[in-house]
Amino acid sequence: MLTVEEKTQAVVAALEDIKAQDIEVINTSKLSTLFERMVIASAQSTRQTKALADHVEEKLKEVGETIHGVEGGDSGEWVLVDLGDVIVHIMQPPVRAYYNLEELWGAHPKRANVGK
């Protein structure tokens, strides 16, 4: 069984294998008791979104990890891979921009309009 860091590294490596873009890892350990890391990546098509999710699933199974669930594979605009303490979101750019999970989870906090 991998540590959270090793699992996160394996996820990022699997995403890089198939040219995911804008990969971001968010440490959620202080924000949620459900999972410790969130990995967000962009894909350029429904085909690539599905391929990335399949590849993450395959690579993590190869190292003995359990896949708790995969959601969103039907549409391919946003696929979530649940690895327990690591959650992977693979999204097409418009969907990623709309939901803006990075800001929601505090990776990119809103900036206050200073002096206005």
Protein backbone atom coordinates (compact mmCIF):
# COMPACT_ATOMS: atom_id res chain seq x y z
CA MET A 1 0.00 0.00 0.00
CA LEU A 2 1.36 3.39 -1.02
CA THR A 3 1.62 6.44 1.21
CA VAL A 4 -0.50 9.45 0.25
CA GLU A 5 2.58 11.11 -1.27
CA GLU A 6 3.53 8.02 -3.29
CA LYS A 7 -0.04 7.59 -4.49
CA THR A 8 -0.19 11.26 -5.51
CA GLN A 9 3.10 10.92 -7.39
CA ALA A 10 1.81 7.80 -9.17
CA VAL A 11 -1.34 9.67 -10.21
CA VAL A 12 0.64 12.65 -11.54
CA ALA A 13 3.00 10.32 -13.45
CA ALA A 14 0.03 8.49 -15.01
CA LEU A 15 -1.54 11.81 -16.05
CA GLU A 16 1.76 13.02 -17.54
CA ASP A 17 2.04 9.76 -19.54
CA ILE A 18 -0.95 10.76 -21.65
CA LYS A 19 -0.19 14.49 -21.77
CA ALA A 20 -2.68 15.87 -19.26
CA GLN A 21 -2.37 19.63 -18.96
CA ASP A 22 -2.31 22.03 -16.01
CA ILE A 23 -1.91 19.32 -13.37
CA GLU A 24 -2.43 20.70 -9.89
CA VAL A 25 -2.19 18.94 -6.53
CA ILE A 26 -4.08 20.41 -3.59
CA ASN A 27 -3.41 19.33 -0.02
CA THR A 28 -6.87 18.97 1.50
CA SER A 29 -5.81 17.20 4.71
CA LYS A 30 -6.73 20.21 6.85
CA LEU A 31 -9.96 20.90 4.95
CA SER A 32 -11.61 17.48 4.72
CA THR A 33 -11.60 14.22 6.62
CA LEU A 34 -12.72 12.40 3.46
CA PHE A 35 -9.47 12.67 1.48
CA GLU A 36 -6.00 14.17 1.83
CA ARG A 37 -5.08 15.17 -1.72
CA MET A 38 -6.99 16.39 -4.73
CA VAL A 39 -5.37 16.16 -8.14
CA ILE A 40 -6.91 18.25 -10.92
CA ALA A 41 -5.89 17.98 -14.57
CA SER A 42 -7.18 19.19 -17.91
CA ALA A 43 -7.85 17.13 -21.03
CA GLN A 44 -8.49 18.46 -24.51
CA SER A 45 -11.29 16.10 -25.58
CA THR A 46 -13.80 13.61 -24.20
CA ARG A 47 -11.61 10.86 -25.60
CA GLN A 48 -8.53 12.13 -23.75
CA THR A 49 -10.52 12.66 -20.54
CA LYS A 50 -11.64 9.03 -20.58
CA ALA A 51 -8.18 7.78 -21.59
CA LEU A 52 -6.56 9.68 -18.72
CA ALA A 53 -9.03 8.28 -16.19
CA ASP A 54 -8.52 4.74 -17.53
CA HIS A 55 -4.75 5.16 -17.41
CA VAL A 56 -4.78 6.45 -13.81
CA GLU A 57 -6.99 3.51 -12.83
CA GLU A 58 -4.74 1.00 -14.62
CA LYS A 59 -1.47 2.36 -13.23
CA LEU A 60 -2.73 2.54 -9.64
CA LYS A 61 -4.15 -0.99 -9.81
CA GLU A 62 -0.73 -2.18 -11.04
CA VAL A 63 0.82 -1.00 -7.77
CA GLY A 64 -1.89 -2.62 -5.67
CA GLU A 65 -4.14 0.34 -4.98
CA THR A 66 -7.91 0.08 -4.76
CA ILE A 67 -10.13 2.18 -7.01
CA HIS A 68 -13.16 3.11 -4.91
CA GLY A 69 -15.11 4.51 -7.84
CA VAL A 70 -15.08 6.30 -11.16
CA GLU A 71 -17.78 8.84 -12.03
CA GLY A 72 -18.53 10.84 -15.16
CA GLY A 73 -17.11 8.50 -17.77
CA ASP A 74 -20.33 8.63 -19.78
CA SER A 75 -20.07 12.30 -20.73
CA GLY A 76 -16.29 12.58 -20.66
CA GLU A 77 -16.36 16.27 -19.80
CA TRP A 78 -15.40 15.60 -16.17
CA VAL A 79 -14.26 12.27 -14.79
CA LEU A 80 -13.60 11.70 -11.11
CA VAL A 81 -11.40 8.82 -9.94
CA ASP A 82 -11.75 8.03 -6.23
CA LEU A 83 -8.64 6.46 -4.70
CA GLY A 84 -9.76 6.94 -1.11
CA ASP A 85 -7.31 9.43 0.33
CA VAL A 86 -6.56 10.86 -3.14
CA ILE A 87 -9.30 12.17 -5.44
CA VAL A 88 -8.54 12.82 -9.13
CA HIS A 89 -10.57 15.25 -11.26
CA ILE A 90 -9.93 15.17 -15.01
CA MET A 91 -11.83 17.94 -16.75
CA GLN A 92 -12.10 19.70 -20.04
CA PRO A 93 -10.98 23.35 -19.71
CA PRO A 94 -14.44 25.01 -19.92
CA VAL A 95 -15.80 22.70 -17.20
CA ARG A 96 -12.71 23.24 -15.07
CA ALA A 97 -13.01 27.01 -15.40
CA TYR A 98 -16.73 26.91 -14.56
CA TYR A 99 -16.40 24.84 -11.37
CA ASN A 100 -13.04 26.37 -10.37
CA LEU A 101 -12.22 23.69 -7.79
CA GLU A 102 -8.82 25.25 -7.12
CA GLU A 103 -10.43 28.36 -5.68
CA LEU A 104 -13.16 26.40 -3.91
CA TRP A 105 -10.54 24.30 -2.09
CA GLY A 106 -8.30 27.26 -1.31
CA ALA A 107 -5.46 26.63 -3.73
CA HIS A 108 -6.03 30.03 -5.37
CA PRO A 109 -7.82 32.29 -2.88
CA LYS A 110 -9.71 35.29 -4.18
CA ARG A 111 -7.79 38.51 -3.96
CA ALA A 112 -9.44 41.37 -2.22
CA ASN A 113 -9.80 44.60 -4.14
CA VAL A 114 -7.39 46.68 -2.11
CA GLY A 115 -8.14 50.40 -2.10
CA LYS A 116 -11.52 50.16 -3.79
